[in-house]
Amino acid sequence: GQNKDKLYDYRAVYHESHHMSHTFLNTLKILGINSKMYAFFPPEICGDDDKKNAALLREKGVSERYIVVNINASELSYERRLPQDFFKLILSKVINSYPDYSLVFIGSESEKEYVGNFLEKFMPKDKNIFDLSGSISLRGLFPLIKNASLVISNDSGPVHVASAFEKP
């Protein structure tokens, strides 16, 4: 899969719909190493990050049911970003289907401008949409995602955090 089949001498089963860890385990199997998939343990949330996030969300007016949106990918892998038009299409369907949910956009301080430009260009002003890019610490990201109803993200750190919390 992913056009890497010409790079290796042995082929491992790859499925787009499976977590990448399955592909790694299939690769080990080809090498004669039998292993099994273990259940994920969700990360523990330490300190008062959960309380800080809850206060921030209340202050901003975010509803209790919210969807975390990450349109970013780190500076190391811009190619992992979906085109903004795709996110516009996905999010317009989400807004229409789930009008009672807040959309909470995340990102680092360096991604704040990218998120702001996207919101300005594509998102309606009168909807339940909040830009928290640059406002949530890495530690704060964990409880934010843990308490979300859904996470929509490019292939980057937040989607792996969502996976650890078994978030759709």
N, C-alpha and C. Protein backbone atom coordinates (compact mmCIF):
# COMPACT_ATOMS: atom_id res chain seq x y z
N GLY A 1 0.82 -1.20 0.00
CA GLY A 1 0.00 0.00 0.00
C GLY A 1 0.85 1.25 0.00
N GLN A 2 0.22 2.38 -0.23
CA GLN A 2 0.85 3.70 -0.24
C GLN A 2 2.03 3.76 -1.21
N ASN A 3 1.98 3.00 -2.28
CA ASN A 3 3.00 2.99 -3.32
C ASN A 3 4.39 2.62 -2.81
N LYS A 4 4.44 1.83 -1.76
CA LYS A 4 5.74 1.40 -1.24
C LYS A 4 6.05 -0.04 -1.62
N ASP A 5 5.20 -0.66 -2.43
CA ASP A 5 5.37 -2.07 -2.75
C ASP A 5 6.60 -2.35 -3.61
N LYS A 6 7.20 -1.32 -4.19
CA LYS A 6 8.39 -1.53 -5.01
C LYS A 6 9.69 -1.32 -4.21
N LEU A 7 9.55 -0.93 -2.95
CA LEU A 7 10.72 -0.61 -2.14
C LEU A 7 11.27 -1.81 -1.37
N TYR A 8 10.46 -2.85 -1.22
CA TYR A 8 10.84 -3.94 -0.32
C TYR A 8 10.87 -5.27 -1.05
N ASP A 9 11.59 -6.23 -0.46
CA ASP A 9 11.68 -7.58 -1.03
C ASP A 9 10.50 -8.45 -0.64
N TYR A 10 9.87 -8.17 0.47
CA TYR A 10 8.74 -8.96 0.98
C TYR A 10 7.52 -8.07 1.07
N ARG A 11 6.37 -8.67 0.88
CA ARG A 11 5.13 -7.90 0.92
C ARG A 11 4.37 -8.18 2.21
N ALA A 12 3.92 -7.13 2.84
CA ALA A 12 3.09 -7.22 4.03
C ALA A 12 1.70 -6.71 3.68
N VAL A 13 0.70 -7.28 4.29
CA VAL A 13 -0.67 -6.87 4.05
C VAL A 13 -0.87 -5.46 4.61
N TYR A 14 -1.44 -4.60 3.81
CA TYR A 14 -1.73 -3.22 4.22
C TYR A 14 -3.18 -2.92 3.89
N HIS A 15 -3.90 -2.38 4.86
CA HIS A 15 -5.29 -1.97 4.65
C HIS A 15 -5.44 -0.51 5.05
N GLU A 16 -5.95 0.31 4.15
CA GLU A 16 -6.16 1.73 4.45
C GLU A 16 -7.04 1.93 5.68
N SER A 17 -7.99 1.01 5.90
CA SER A 17 -8.95 1.20 6.98
C SER A 17 -8.45 0.69 8.34
N HIS A 18 -7.28 0.09 8.38
CA HIS A 18 -6.74 -0.42 9.65
C HIS A 18 -5.69 0.53 10.20
N HIS A 19 -5.56 0.52 11.50
CA HIS A 19 -4.53 1.33 12.15
C HIS A 19 -3.16 0.85 11.66
N MET A 20 -2.22 1.77 11.55
CA MET A 20 -0.89 1.46 11.02
C MET A 20 -0.18 0.37 11.83
N SER A 21 -0.53 0.25 13.10
CA SER A 21 0.10 -0.77 13.94
C SER A 21 -0.16 -2.17 13.39
N HIS A 22 -1.28 -2.38 12.72
CA HIS A 22 -1.56 -3.69 12.10
C HIS A 22 -0.57 -3.97 10.98
N THR A 23 -0.25 -2.96 10.20
CA THR A 23 0.73 -3.12 9.12
C THR A 23 2.09 -3.47 9.69
N PHE A 24 2.47 -2.80 10.78
CA PHE A 24 3.76 -3.11 11.40
C PHE A 24 3.79 -4.55 11.91
N LEU A 25 2.69 -5.00 12.51
CA LEU A 25 2.63 -6.38 12.98
C LEU A 25 2.70 -7.37 11.81
N ASN A 26 2.05 -7.05 10.70
CA ASN A 26 2.13 -7.91 9.51
C ASN A 26 3.56 -7.98 8.98
N THR A 27 4.28 -6.88 9.07
CA THR A 27 5.68 -6.87 8.64
C THR A 27 6.51 -7.78 9.53
N LEU A 28 6.28 -7.74 10.83
CA LEU A 28 7.00 -8.63 11.75
C LEU A 28 6.71 -10.09 11.44
N LYS A 29 5.45 -10.38 11.11
CA LYS A 29 5.06 -11.76 10.79
C LYS A 29 5.86 -12.30 9.61
N ILE A 30 6.05 -11.46 8.59
CA ILE A 30 6.83 -11.86 7.41
C ILE A 30 8.26 -12.19 7.80
N LEU A 31 8.78 -11.51 8.80
CA LEU A 31 10.14 -11.73 9.26
C LEU A 31 10.25 -12.90 10.23
N GLY A 32 9.10 -13.60 10.45
CA GLY A 32 9.10 -14.76 11.34
C GLY A 32 8.92 -14.42 12.81
N ILE A 33 8.53 -13.20 13.10
CA ILE A 33 8.32 -12.79 14.49
C ILE A 33 6.82 -12.72 14.73
N ASN A 34 6.32 -13.63 15.56
CA ASN A 34 4.90 -13.62 15.86
C ASN A 34 4.62 -12.70 17.04
N SER A 35 3.67 -11.84 16.85
CA SER A 35 3.27 -10.92 17.89
C SER A 35 1.77 -10.73 17.79
N LYS A 36 1.19 -10.12 18.79
CA LYS A 36 -0.25 -9.87 18.74
C LYS A 36 -0.52 -8.43 19.12
N MET A 37 -1.69 -8.00 18.75
CA MET A 37 -2.12 -6.64 19.05
C MET A 37 -2.62 -6.59 20.49
N TYR A 38 -2.12 -5.67 21.24
CA TYR A 38 -2.57 -5.46 22.62
C TYR A 38 -3.56 -4.31 22.65
N ALA A 39 -4.45 -4.36 23.60
CA ALA A 39 -5.41 -3.27 23.75
C ALA A 39 -4.67 -2.00 24.15
N PHE A 40 -5.15 -0.89 23.63
CA PHE A 40 -4.58 0.40 24.01
C PHE A 40 -5.02 0.75 25.42
N PHE A 41 -4.15 1.39 26.15
CA PHE A 41 -4.51 1.95 27.43
C PHE A 41 -4.63 3.45 27.22
N PRO A 42 -5.79 4.01 27.49
CA PRO A 42 -5.90 5.46 27.29
C PRO A 42 -4.93 6.19 28.21
N PRO A 43 -4.39 7.29 27.75
CA PRO A 43 -3.46 8.06 28.58
C PRO A 43 -4.16 8.55 29.85
N GLU A 44 -3.39 8.67 30.90
CA GLU A 44 -3.93 9.25 32.13
C GLU A 44 -3.75 10.76 32.07
N ILE A 45 -4.75 11.45 32.55
CA ILE A 45 -4.70 12.90 32.56
C ILE A 45 -4.27 13.34 33.94
N CYS A 46 -3.18 14.06 33.99
CA CYS A 46 -2.61 14.47 35.28
C CYS A 46 -2.90 15.95 35.54
N GLY A 47 -2.83 16.29 36.78
CA GLY A 47 -2.97 17.70 37.15
C GLY A 47 -4.39 18.19 36.93
N ASP A 48 -4.50 19.48 36.72
CA ASP A 48 -5.83 20.06 36.56
C ASP A 48 -6.09 20.53 35.13
N ASP A 49 -5.45 19.87 34.16
CA ASP A 49 -5.65 20.23 32.75
C ASP A 49 -7.11 20.10 32.34
N ASP A 50 -7.78 19.06 32.84
CA ASP A 50 -9.19 18.85 32.52
C ASP A 50 -10.03 20.03 33.00
N LYS A 51 -9.77 20.48 34.22
CA LYS A 51 -10.52 21.61 34.79
C LYS A 51 -10.23 22.91 34.03
N LYS A 52 -8.96 23.11 33.66
CA LYS A 52 -8.59 24.31 32.91
C LYS A 52 -9.31 24.33 31.56
N ASN A 53 -9.32 23.17 30.88
CA ASN A 53 -10.01 23.10 29.59
C ASN A 53 -11.49 23.36 29.74
N ALA A 54 -12.11 22.74 30.74
CA ALA A 54 -13.55 22.92 30.96
C ALA A 54 -13.87 24.40 31.18
N ALA A 55 -13.03 25.08 31.97
CA ALA A 55 -13.24 26.51 32.22
C ALA A 55 -13.08 27.32 30.94
N LEU A 56 -12.06 27.00 30.14
CA LEU A 56 -11.84 27.70 28.87
C LEU A 56 -13.02 27.49 27.93
N LEU A 57 -13.49 26.25 27.82
CA LEU A 57 -14.61 25.95 26.93
C LEU A 57 -15.88 26.69 27.38
N ARG A 58 -16.14 26.72 28.69
CA ARG A 58 -17.30 27.46 29.21
C ARG A 58 -17.16 28.95 28.91
N GLU A 59 -15.97 29.48 29.14
CA GLU A 59 -15.71 30.90 28.90
C GLU A 59 -15.96 31.28 27.44
N LYS A 60 -15.56 30.42 26.52
CA LYS A 60 -15.72 30.68 25.09
C LYS A 60 -17.14 30.42 24.60
N GLY A 61 -17.94 29.68 25.40
CA GLY A 61 -19.31 29.37 24.98
C GLY A 61 -19.45 28.08 24.20
N VAL A 62 -18.47 27.19 24.30
CA VAL A 62 -18.50 25.91 23.60
C VAL A 62 -19.53 25.02 24.28
N SER A 63 -20.37 24.36 23.48
CA SER A 63 -21.39 23.48 24.06
C SER A 63 -20.73 22.23 24.65
N GLU A 64 -21.46 21.53 25.51
CA GLU A 64 -20.91 20.32 26.14
C GLU A 64 -20.61 19.24 25.11
N ARG A 65 -21.37 19.23 24.03
CA ARG A 65 -21.11 18.28 22.95
C ARG A 65 -20.33 19.04 21.87
N TYR A 66 -19.09 18.59 21.69
CA TYR A 66 -18.25 19.29 20.71
C TYR A 66 -17.42 18.30 19.90
N ILE A 67 -16.98 18.79 18.77
CA ILE A 67 -16.16 18.03 17.83
C ILE A 67 -14.83 18.77 17.69
N VAL A 68 -13.74 18.05 17.90
CA VAL A 68 -12.41 18.64 17.73
C VAL A 68 -12.03 18.53 16.26
N VAL A 69 -11.55 19.63 15.69
CA VAL A 69 -11.15 19.67 14.28
C VAL A 69 -9.69 20.10 14.20
N ASN A 70 -8.89 19.29 13.52
CA ASN A 70 -7.48 19.60 13.31
C ASN A 70 -7.20 19.59 11.81
N ILE A 71 -7.07 20.77 11.22
CA ILE A 71 -6.78 20.85 9.79
C ILE A 71 -5.28 20.91 9.52
N ASN A 72 -4.50 20.78 10.58
CA ASN A 72 -3.04 20.95 10.51
C ASN A 72 -2.30 19.64 10.37
N ALA A 73 -1.07 19.76 9.99
CA ALA A 73 -0.06 18.71 10.08
C ALA A 73 1.22 19.49 10.37
N SER A 74 2.09 18.94 11.13
CA SER A 74 3.26 19.72 11.56
C SER A 74 4.08 20.22 10.37
N GLU A 75 4.97 21.14 10.67
CA GLU A 75 5.84 21.70 9.62
C GLU A 75 6.65 20.61 8.94
N LEU A 76 6.80 19.47 9.59
CA LEU A 76 7.59 18.38 9.02
C LEU A 76 6.83 17.59 7.96
N SER A 77 5.51 17.79 7.88
CA SER A 77 4.75 16.97 6.93
C SER A 77 3.52 17.69 6.41
N TYR A 78 3.74 18.83 5.77
CA TYR A 78 2.62 19.56 5.17
C TYR A 78 1.85 18.71 4.16
N GLU A 79 2.54 17.74 3.56
CA GLU A 79 1.88 16.90 2.55
C GLU A 79 0.76 16.06 3.15
N ARG A 80 0.69 15.97 4.47
CA ARG A 80 -0.39 15.21 5.12
C ARG A 80 -1.66 16.02 5.29
N ARG A 81 -1.61 17.28 4.97
CA ARG A 81 -2.81 18.12 5.07
C ARG A 81 -3.76 17.79 3.92
N LEU A 82 -5.01 17.59 4.26
CA LEU A 82 -6.02 17.53 3.22
C LEU A 82 -6.17 18.92 2.62
N PRO A 83 -6.51 19.02 1.37
CA PRO A 83 -6.78 20.35 0.81
C PRO A 83 -7.91 21.03 1.59
N GLN A 84 -7.83 22.33 1.75
CA GLN A 84 -8.83 23.05 2.53
C GLN A 84 -10.24 22.88 1.97
N ASP A 85 -10.37 22.76 0.66
CA ASP A 85 -11.70 22.54 0.07
C ASP A 85 -12.33 21.24 0.59
N PHE A 86 -11.51 20.21 0.82
CA PHE A 86 -12.03 18.95 1.36
C PHE A 86 -12.56 19.15 2.76
N PHE A 87 -11.79 19.87 3.58
CA PHE A 87 -12.25 20.14 4.94
C PHE A 87 -13.53 20.97 4.91
N LYS A 88 -13.60 21.92 3.99
CA LYS A 88 -14.81 22.74 3.88
C LYS A 88 -16.02 21.84 3.60
N LEU A 89 -15.86 20.92 2.69
CA LEU A 89 -16.95 20.01 2.34
C LEU A 89 -17.34 19.13 3.52
N ILE A 90 -16.36 18.53 4.16
CA ILE A 90 -16.62 17.66 5.32
C ILE A 90 -17.33 18.45 6.42
N LEU A 91 -16.78 19.60 6.74
CA LEU A 91 -17.30 20.37 7.88
C LEU A 91 -18.66 20.99 7.59
N SER A 92 -18.94 21.35 6.34
CA SER A 92 -20.28 21.87 6.03
C SER A 92 -21.32 20.78 6.23
N LYS A 93 -20.99 19.54 5.91
CA LYS A 93 -21.91 18.43 6.15
C LYS A 93 -22.09 18.18 7.65
N VAL A 94 -21.00 18.27 8.40
CA VAL A 94 -21.07 18.09 9.85
C VAL A 94 -21.94 19.18 10.47
N ILE A 95 -21.73 20.43 10.08
CA ILE A 95 -22.50 21.55 10.62
C ILE A 95 -23.99 21.35 10.34
N ASN A 96 -24.33 20.93 9.14
CA ASN A 96 -25.74 20.73 8.78
C ASN A 96 -26.35 19.53 9.48
N SER A 97 -25.56 18.48 9.69
CA SER A 97 -26.07 17.25 10.31
C SER A 97 -26.12 17.32 11.82
N TYR A 98 -25.24 18.10 12.42
CA TYR A 98 -25.12 18.17 13.89
C TYR A 98 -25.09 19.63 14.35
N PRO A 99 -26.18 20.36 14.14
CA PRO A 99 -26.17 21.80 14.45
C PRO A 99 -26.00 22.13 15.94
N ASP A 100 -26.28 21.17 16.81
CA ASP A 100 -26.15 21.41 18.26
C ASP A 100 -24.73 21.22 18.77
N TYR A 101 -23.85 20.71 17.94
CA TYR A 101 -22.47 20.46 18.35
C TYR A 101 -21.61 21.68 18.02
N SER A 102 -20.66 21.96 18.89
CA SER A 102 -19.66 22.99 18.61
C SER A 102 -18.51 22.36 17.83
N LEU A 103 -17.92 23.13 16.94
CA LEU A 103 -16.68 22.73 16.27
C LEU A 103 -15.55 23.48 16.96
N VAL A 104 -14.59 22.74 17.48
CA VAL A 104 -13.46 23.33 18.19
C VAL A 104 -12.20 23.08 17.37
N PHE A 105 -11.68 24.14 16.77
CA PHE A 105 -10.46 24.03 15.96
C PHE A 105 -9.25 24.14 16.87
N ILE A 106 -8.29 23.26 16.63
CA ILE A 106 -7.07 23.25 17.43
C ILE A 106 -5.85 23.47 16.53
N GLY A 107 -4.73 23.72 17.16
CA GLY A 107 -3.47 23.89 16.46
C GLY A 107 -2.48 24.55 17.39
N SER A 108 -1.24 24.45 17.03
CA SER A 108 -0.18 25.09 17.83
C SER A 108 -0.18 26.59 17.56
N GLU A 109 0.63 27.29 18.30
CA GLU A 109 0.77 28.74 18.10
C GLU A 109 1.21 29.03 16.66
N SER A 110 2.11 28.22 16.12
CA SER A 110 2.60 28.45 14.75
C SER A 110 1.55 28.11 13.69
N GLU A 111 0.49 27.39 14.06
CA GLU A 111 -0.56 27.03 13.11
C GLU A 111 -1.78 27.95 13.20
N LYS A 112 -1.74 28.88 14.13
CA LYS A 112 -2.86 29.78 14.39
C LYS A 112 -3.27 30.56 13.14
N GLU A 113 -2.32 31.08 12.41
CA GLU A 113 -2.63 31.86 11.20
C GLU A 113 -3.30 30.98 10.14
N TYR A 114 -2.79 29.76 9.95
CA TYR A 114 -3.36 28.83 8.97
C TYR A 114 -4.82 28.52 9.32
N VAL A 115 -5.07 28.24 10.60
CA VAL A 115 -6.44 27.95 11.05
C VAL A 115 -7.32 29.19 10.87
N GLY A 116 -6.82 30.34 11.30
CA GLY A 116 -7.59 31.58 11.16
C GLY A 116 -7.96 31.89 9.72
N ASN A 117 -7.02 31.71 8.81
CA ASN A 117 -7.30 31.93 7.39
C ASN A 117 -8.36 30.98 6.87
N PHE A 118 -8.29 29.71 7.29
CA PHE A 118 -9.30 28.73 6.87
C PHE A 118 -10.68 29.15 7.38
N LEU A 119 -10.77 29.50 8.65
CA LEU A 119 -12.06 29.89 9.23
C LEU A 119 -12.63 31.12 8.54
N GLU A 120 -11.77 32.10 8.29
CA GLU A 120 -12.20 33.33 7.62
C GLU A 120 -12.72 33.04 6.22
N LYS A 121 -12.04 32.17 5.52
CA LYS A 121 -12.36 31.89 4.11
C LYS A 121 -13.55 30.94 3.94
N PHE A 122 -13.67 29.93 4.82
CA PHE A 122 -14.62 28.86 4.55
C PHE A 122 -15.75 28.67 5.56
N MET A 123 -15.61 29.12 6.77
CA MET A 123 -16.60 28.78 7.79
C MET A 123 -17.60 29.91 8.00
N PRO A 124 -18.87 29.54 8.18
CA PRO A 124 -19.89 30.57 8.43
C PRO A 124 -19.65 31.26 9.77
N LYS A 125 -19.95 32.54 9.83
CA LYS A 125 -19.67 33.34 11.03
C LYS A 125 -20.70 33.12 12.14
N ASP A 126 -21.89 32.71 11.77
CA ASP A 126 -22.97 32.63 12.75
C ASP A 126 -23.15 31.22 13.33
N LYS A 127 -22.22 30.35 13.12
CA LYS A 127 -22.33 28.98 13.60
C LYS A 127 -21.55 28.79 14.89
N ASN A 128 -21.68 27.62 15.44
CA ASN A 128 -21.09 27.24 16.72
C ASN A 128 -19.64 26.79 16.51
N ILE A 129 -18.77 27.72 16.07
CA ILE A 129 -17.39 27.40 15.67
C ILE A 129 -16.42 28.21 16.52
N PHE A 130 -15.40 27.53 17.05
CA PHE A 130 -14.47 28.16 17.97
C PHE A 130 -13.03 27.85 17.57
N ASP A 131 -12.22 28.88 17.53
CA ASP A 131 -10.80 28.73 17.20
C ASP A 131 -10.00 28.73 18.49
N LEU A 132 -9.51 27.56 18.90
CA LEU A 132 -8.67 27.44 20.08
C LEU A 132 -7.22 27.19 19.72
N SER A 133 -6.88 27.40 18.44
CA SER A 133 -5.49 27.21 18.04
C SER A 133 -4.61 28.20 18.81
N GLY A 134 -3.50 27.69 19.30
CA GLY A 134 -2.60 28.50 20.10
C GLY A 134 -3.04 28.69 21.54
N SER A 135 -4.22 28.17 21.91
CA SER A 135 -4.76 28.36 23.26
C SER A 135 -4.67 27.11 24.14
N ILE A 136 -4.48 25.97 23.52
CA ILE A 136 -4.46 24.70 24.26
C ILE A 136 -3.04 24.16 24.26
N SER A 137 -2.53 23.83 25.43
CA SER A 137 -1.19 23.24 25.52
C SER A 137 -1.24 21.79 25.05
N LEU A 138 -0.07 21.22 24.84
CA LEU A 138 -0.02 19.80 24.47
C LEU A 138 -0.67 18.95 25.56
N ARG A 139 -0.37 19.24 26.81
CA ARG A 139 -1.00 18.50 27.91
C ARG A 139 -2.51 18.72 27.92
N GLY A 140 -2.95 19.92 27.59
CA GLY A 140 -4.37 20.23 27.55
C GLY A 140 -5.11 19.57 26.40
N LEU A 141 -4.35 19.18 25.36
CA LEU A 141 -4.95 18.53 24.20
C LEU A 141 -5.58 17.18 24.58
N PHE A 142 -4.96 16.48 25.51
CA PHE A 142 -5.43 15.15 25.88
C PHE A 142 -6.84 15.18 26.49
N PRO A 143 -7.10 16.00 27.52
CA PRO A 143 -8.47 16.03 28.04
C PRO A 143 -9.46 16.64 27.05
N LEU A 144 -9.01 17.57 26.21
CA LEU A 144 -9.90 18.15 25.20
C LEU A 144 -10.41 17.05 24.28
N ILE A 145 -9.50 16.20 23.81
CA ILE A 145 -9.88 15.11 22.92
C ILE A 145 -10.66 14.03 23.67
N LYS A 146 -10.25 13.74 24.89
CA LYS A 146 -10.94 12.72 25.69
C LYS A 146 -12.42 13.05 25.85
N ASN A 147 -12.75 14.31 26.02
CA ASN A 147 -14.13 14.72 26.27
C ASN A 147 -14.90 15.08 25.00
N ALA A 148 -14.26 14.98 23.84
CA ALA A 148 -14.91 15.30 22.57
C ALA A 148 -15.85 14.16 22.15
N SER A 149 -16.84 14.50 21.35
CA SER A 149 -17.74 13.49 20.79
C SER A 149 -17.14 12.85 19.55
N LEU A 150 -16.29 13.60 18.85
CA LEU A 150 -15.73 13.16 17.57
C LEU A 150 -14.47 13.98 17.32
N VAL A 151 -13.51 13.39 16.60
CA VAL A 151 -12.31 14.11 16.19
C VAL A 151 -12.17 13.98 14.68
N ILE A 152 -12.02 15.11 14.02
CA ILE A 152 -11.78 15.15 12.58
C ILE A 152 -10.38 15.73 12.41
N SER A 153 -9.47 14.95 11.81
CA SER A 153 -8.08 15.38 11.78
C SER A 153 -7.32 14.79 10.61
N ASN A 154 -6.31 15.53 10.20
CA ASN A 154 -5.30 14.98 9.31
C ASN A 154 -4.50 13.94 10.08
N ASP A 155 -3.62 13.24 9.37
CA ASP A 155 -2.72 12.28 10.00
C ASP A 155 -1.64 13.05 10.74
N SER A 156 -1.88 13.28 12.02
CA SER A 156 -0.93 13.99 12.87
C SER A 156 -1.20 13.60 14.31
N GLY A 157 -0.47 14.17 15.23
CA GLY A 157 -0.56 13.80 16.64
C GLY A 157 -1.96 13.69 17.20
N PRO A 158 -2.84 14.69 17.00
CA PRO A 158 -4.18 14.61 17.60
C PRO A 158 -4.98 13.38 17.19
N VAL A 159 -4.81 12.90 15.98
CA VAL A 159 -5.58 11.72 15.57
C VAL A 159 -5.09 10.47 16.32
N HIS A 160 -3.82 10.44 16.68
CA HIS A 160 -3.31 9.32 17.44
C HIS A 160 -3.76 9.39 18.90
N VAL A 161 -3.88 10.59 19.42
CA VAL A 161 -4.44 10.77 20.76
C VAL A 161 -5.90 10.31 20.75
N ALA A 162 -6.65 10.69 19.73
CA ALA A 162 -8.05 10.26 19.60
C ALA A 162 -8.15 8.74 19.54
N SER A 163 -7.26 8.13 18.81
CA SER A 163 -7.24 6.68 18.72
C SER A 163 -7.00 6.04 20.08
N ALA A 164 -6.09 6.61 20.86
CA ALA A 164 -5.80 6.08 22.19
C ALA A 164 -7.01 6.17 23.11
N PHE A 165 -7.86 7.19 22.90
CA PHE A 165 -9.07 7.34 23.69
C PHE A 165 -10.28 6.67 23.03
N GLU A 166 -10.02 5.98 21.91
CA GLU A 166 -11.07 5.29 21.14
C GLU A 166 -12.19 6.24 20.73
N LYS A 167 -11.82 7.43 20.30
CA LYS A 167 -12.78 8.41 19.82
C LYS A 167 -13.03 8.18 18.34
N PRO A 168 -14.29 8.30 17.94
CA PRO A 168 -14.54 8.20 16.49
C PRO A 168 -13.94 9.40 15.76
